[in-house]
Amino acid sequence: MVLAVILQAVAGAAFGKVGAALGAAVAAIAAAIGIGKIGSSTMEGIARQPESAGNMRTSMIIAAGMIEGAALFAIIVCFLTLIL
């Protein structure tokens, strides 16, 4: 009886670690896709209106930084789940 409870606890911990690792991977992939779309859209906008390149570049850098911050937060939460 006690062995069954211990085995269930170990299996639950293993699933938690797999879930945290998958969560970190999904956060990194989603951030990469988001930043790629931002870059693509900015380049298309600059090609259409070259005179506003500076404003678009600034907006792109701010948006990319916000996405990176959110992704970093998600990855840190996932790694803390692995550790704790």
N, C-alpha and C. Protein backbone atom coordinates (compact mmCIF):
# COMPACT_ATOMS: atom_id res chain seq x y z
N MET A 1 0.82 -1.19 0.00
CA MET A 1 0.00 0.00 0.00
C MET A 1 0.87 1.26 0.00
N VAL A 2 1.86 1.31 0.86
CA VAL A 2 2.74 2.46 0.94
C VAL A 2 3.56 2.58 -0.35
N LEU A 3 3.96 1.45 -0.89
CA LEU A 3 4.74 1.46 -2.13
C LEU A 3 3.93 2.04 -3.28
N ALA A 4 2.65 1.75 -3.33
CA ALA A 4 1.79 2.28 -4.38
C ALA A 4 1.70 3.81 -4.27
N VAL A 5 1.59 4.32 -3.06
CA VAL A 5 1.51 5.77 -2.85
C VAL A 5 2.83 6.42 -3.26
N ILE A 6 3.94 5.81 -2.91
CA ILE A 6 5.25 6.36 -3.28
C ILE A 6 5.43 6.36 -4.80
N LEU A 7 5.02 5.30 -5.46
CA LEU A 7 5.13 5.23 -6.92
C LEU A 7 4.27 6.29 -7.59
N GLN A 8 3.08 6.53 -7.07
CA GLN A 8 2.23 7.56 -7.64
C GLN A 8 2.83 8.95 -7.45
N ALA A 9 3.44 9.20 -6.30
CA ALA A 9 4.07 10.50 -6.05
C ALA A 9 5.25 10.73 -6.99
N VAL A 10 6.05 9.70 -7.21
CA VAL A 10 7.21 9.81 -8.11
C VAL A 10 6.74 10.03 -9.55
N ALA A 11 5.70 9.31 -9.96
CA ALA A 11 5.18 9.47 -11.31
C ALA A 11 4.60 10.87 -11.50
N GLY A 12 3.93 11.40 -10.49
CA GLY A 12 3.39 12.75 -10.57
C GLY A 12 4.48 13.79 -10.69
N ALA A 13 5.58 13.61 -9.97
CA ALA A 13 6.70 14.53 -10.06
C ALA A 13 7.34 14.48 -11.44
N ALA A 14 7.42 13.29 -12.02
CA ALA A 14 8.01 13.16 -13.35
C ALA A 14 7.14 13.86 -14.39
N PHE A 15 5.82 13.72 -14.28
CA PHE A 15 4.93 14.41 -15.22
C PHE A 15 5.03 15.91 -15.05
N GLY A 16 5.21 16.37 -13.84
CA GLY A 16 5.36 17.81 -13.60
C GLY A 16 6.61 18.35 -14.25
N LYS A 17 7.69 17.60 -14.18
CA LYS A 17 8.94 18.05 -14.79
C LYS A 17 8.84 18.05 -16.32
N VAL A 18 8.18 17.05 -16.86
CA VAL A 18 7.98 17.03 -18.32
C VAL A 18 7.11 18.20 -18.74
N GLY A 19 6.07 18.49 -17.97
CA GLY A 19 5.20 19.62 -18.28
C GLY A 19 5.93 20.95 -18.21
N ALA A 20 6.79 21.10 -17.21
CA ALA A 20 7.56 22.34 -17.09
C ALA A 20 8.53 22.50 -18.25
N ALA A 21 9.16 21.42 -18.65
CA ALA A 21 10.09 21.48 -19.79
C ALA A 21 9.34 21.81 -21.08
N LEU A 22 8.18 21.22 -21.27
CA LEU A 22 7.38 21.53 -22.46
C LEU A 22 6.89 22.97 -22.42
N GLY A 23 6.54 23.45 -21.26
CA GLY A 23 6.11 24.85 -21.13
C GLY A 23 7.22 25.82 -21.50
N ALA A 24 8.44 25.54 -21.06
CA ALA A 24 9.57 26.40 -21.41
C ALA A 24 9.83 26.37 -22.91
N ALA A 25 9.72 25.19 -23.50
CA ALA A 25 9.93 25.07 -24.95
C ALA A 25 8.87 25.82 -25.74
N VAL A 26 7.63 25.71 -25.32
CA VAL A 26 6.54 26.40 -26.01
C VAL A 26 6.71 27.92 -25.87
N ALA A 27 7.11 28.40 -24.70
CA ALA A 27 7.32 29.83 -24.51
C ALA A 27 8.43 30.35 -25.42
N ALA A 28 9.52 29.60 -25.54
CA ALA A 28 10.63 30.03 -26.40
C ALA A 28 10.22 30.02 -27.87
N ILE A 29 9.51 29.00 -28.29
CA ILE A 29 9.08 28.91 -29.69
C ILE A 29 8.07 30.02 -30.01
N ALA A 30 7.14 30.26 -29.10
CA ALA A 30 6.14 31.31 -29.34
C ALA A 30 6.80 32.69 -29.42
N ALA A 31 7.80 32.93 -28.59
CA ALA A 31 8.51 34.21 -28.65
C ALA A 31 9.25 34.35 -29.97
N ALA A 32 9.87 33.28 -30.44
CA ALA A 32 10.59 33.33 -31.71
C ALA A 32 9.63 33.61 -32.87
N ILE A 33 8.49 32.99 -32.86
CA ILE A 33 7.50 33.22 -33.92
C ILE A 33 6.99 34.66 -33.86
N GLY A 34 6.70 35.14 -32.67
CA GLY A 34 6.21 36.51 -32.52
C GLY A 34 7.21 37.54 -32.98
N ILE A 35 8.45 37.39 -32.60
CA ILE A 35 9.48 38.35 -33.01
C ILE A 35 9.72 38.26 -34.52
N GLY A 36 9.63 37.06 -35.09
CA GLY A 36 9.76 36.92 -36.54
C GLY A 36 8.65 37.64 -37.28
N LYS A 37 7.43 37.55 -36.76
CA LYS A 37 6.31 38.25 -37.40
C LYS A 37 6.46 39.76 -37.28
N ILE A 38 6.93 40.21 -36.14
CA ILE A 38 7.15 41.65 -35.95
C ILE A 38 8.20 42.15 -36.94
N GLY A 39 9.29 41.42 -37.06
CA GLY A 39 10.35 41.82 -37.99
C GLY A 39 9.88 41.82 -39.43
N SER A 40 9.13 40.81 -39.79
CA SER A 40 8.61 40.71 -41.16
C SER A 40 7.67 41.87 -41.47
N SER A 41 6.76 42.15 -40.56
CA SER A 41 5.82 43.25 -40.78
C SER A 41 6.53 44.59 -40.83
N THR A 42 7.54 44.77 -40.00
CA THR A 42 8.28 46.03 -40.02
C THR A 42 9.03 46.20 -41.33
N MET A 43 9.64 45.15 -41.83
CA MET A 43 10.35 45.26 -43.10
C MET A 43 9.40 45.57 -44.25
N GLU A 44 8.21 44.97 -44.22
CA GLU A 44 7.22 45.28 -45.25
C GLU A 44 6.77 46.74 -45.16
N GLY A 45 6.58 47.22 -43.95
CA GLY A 45 6.19 48.62 -43.76
C GLY A 45 7.28 49.58 -44.20
N ILE A 46 8.52 49.26 -43.91
CA ILE A 46 9.63 50.11 -44.32
C ILE A 46 9.76 50.10 -45.85
N ALA A 47 9.50 48.96 -46.47
CA ALA A 47 9.56 48.90 -47.94
C ALA A 47 8.47 49.76 -48.56
N ARG A 48 7.32 49.86 -47.91
CA ARG A 48 6.22 50.67 -48.45
C ARG A 48 6.44 52.16 -48.19
N GLN A 49 6.95 52.49 -47.00
CA GLN A 49 7.17 53.89 -46.65
C GLN A 49 8.56 54.06 -46.03
N PRO A 50 9.57 54.20 -46.86
CA PRO A 50 10.95 54.30 -46.34
C PRO A 50 11.19 55.51 -45.44
N GLU A 51 10.39 56.57 -45.60
CA GLU A 51 10.62 57.77 -44.79
C GLU A 51 10.25 57.57 -43.33
N SER A 52 9.47 56.56 -43.01
CA SER A 52 9.09 56.32 -41.61
C SER A 52 9.84 55.13 -41.00
N ALA A 53 10.99 54.83 -41.55
CA ALA A 53 11.76 53.68 -41.09
C ALA A 53 12.19 53.81 -39.63
N GLY A 54 12.59 55.00 -39.23
CA GLY A 54 13.06 55.21 -37.85
C GLY A 54 11.97 54.93 -36.82
N ASN A 55 10.77 55.44 -37.09
CA ASN A 55 9.66 55.22 -36.16
C ASN A 55 9.27 53.75 -36.10
N MET A 56 9.26 53.10 -37.25
CA MET A 56 8.89 51.68 -37.28
C MET A 56 9.93 50.83 -36.56
N ARG A 57 11.20 51.16 -36.76
CA ARG A 57 12.27 50.40 -36.12
C ARG A 57 12.18 50.52 -34.60
N THR A 58 11.90 51.75 -34.13
CA THR A 58 11.78 51.96 -32.69
C THR A 58 10.61 51.15 -32.11
N SER A 59 9.48 51.20 -32.80
CA SER A 59 8.31 50.44 -32.34
C SER A 59 8.59 48.94 -32.36
N MET A 60 9.32 48.48 -33.38
CA MET A 60 9.65 47.05 -33.48
C MET A 60 10.54 46.62 -32.31
N ILE A 61 11.51 47.44 -31.97
CA ILE A 61 12.42 47.08 -30.87
C ILE A 61 11.67 47.05 -29.55
N ILE A 62 10.76 47.99 -29.34
CA ILE A 62 9.98 48.00 -28.09
C ILE A 62 9.08 46.77 -28.01
N ALA A 63 8.41 46.45 -29.10
CA ALA A 63 7.51 45.28 -29.10
C ALA A 63 8.30 43.99 -28.92
N ALA A 64 9.45 43.88 -29.58
CA ALA A 64 10.28 42.68 -29.43
C ALA A 64 10.79 42.54 -27.99
N GLY A 65 11.13 43.65 -27.37
CA GLY A 65 11.57 43.61 -25.98
C GLY A 65 10.47 43.15 -25.03
N MET A 66 9.25 43.60 -25.31
CA MET A 66 8.12 43.17 -24.47
C MET A 66 7.85 41.68 -24.64
N ILE A 67 7.96 41.18 -25.86
CA ILE A 67 7.76 39.75 -26.09
C ILE A 67 8.87 38.95 -25.40
N GLU A 68 10.10 39.42 -25.52
CA GLU A 68 11.22 38.73 -24.86
C GLU A 68 11.03 38.71 -23.35
N GLY A 69 10.54 39.81 -22.78
CA GLY A 69 10.31 39.86 -21.34
C GLY A 69 9.26 38.86 -20.89
N ALA A 70 8.17 38.79 -21.64
CA ALA A 70 7.11 37.83 -21.30
C ALA A 70 7.60 36.40 -21.45
N ALA A 71 8.37 36.13 -22.50
CA ALA A 71 8.90 34.78 -22.70
C ALA A 71 9.91 34.41 -21.61
N LEU A 72 10.75 35.36 -21.25
CA LEU A 72 11.72 35.09 -20.19
C LEU A 72 11.01 34.81 -18.87
N PHE A 73 9.97 35.56 -18.57
CA PHE A 73 9.18 35.32 -17.36
C PHE A 73 8.59 33.91 -17.38
N ALA A 74 8.03 33.51 -18.51
CA ALA A 74 7.42 32.17 -18.62
C ALA A 74 8.47 31.08 -18.46
N ILE A 75 9.63 31.28 -19.05
CA ILE A 75 10.69 30.27 -18.94
C ILE A 75 11.20 30.17 -17.51
N ILE A 76 11.34 31.30 -16.84
CA ILE A 76 11.79 31.28 -15.44
C ILE A 76 10.77 30.56 -14.56
N VAL A 77 9.49 30.80 -14.79
CA VAL A 77 8.45 30.11 -14.02
C VAL A 77 8.54 28.61 -14.25
N CYS A 78 8.75 28.20 -15.50
CA CYS A 78 8.86 26.77 -15.79
C CYS A 78 10.08 26.14 -15.12
N PHE A 79 11.21 26.85 -15.14
CA PHE A 79 12.41 26.32 -14.51
C PHE A 79 12.25 26.27 -12.98
N LEU A 80 11.57 27.26 -12.42
CA LEU A 80 11.32 27.21 -10.98
C LEU A 80 10.41 26.03 -10.63
N THR A 81 9.49 25.71 -11.52
CA THR A 81 8.64 24.54 -11.30
C THR A 81 9.47 23.27 -11.30
N LEU A 82 10.49 23.22 -12.15
CA LEU A 82 11.38 22.05 -12.18
C LEU A 82 12.16 21.93 -10.87
N ILE A 83 12.62 23.05 -10.36
CA ILE A 83 13.49 23.03 -9.18
C ILE A 83 12.67 22.83 -7.91
N LEU A 84 11.56 23.55 -7.80
CA LEU A 84 10.79 23.50 -6.55
C LEU A 84 9.74 22.49 -6.64
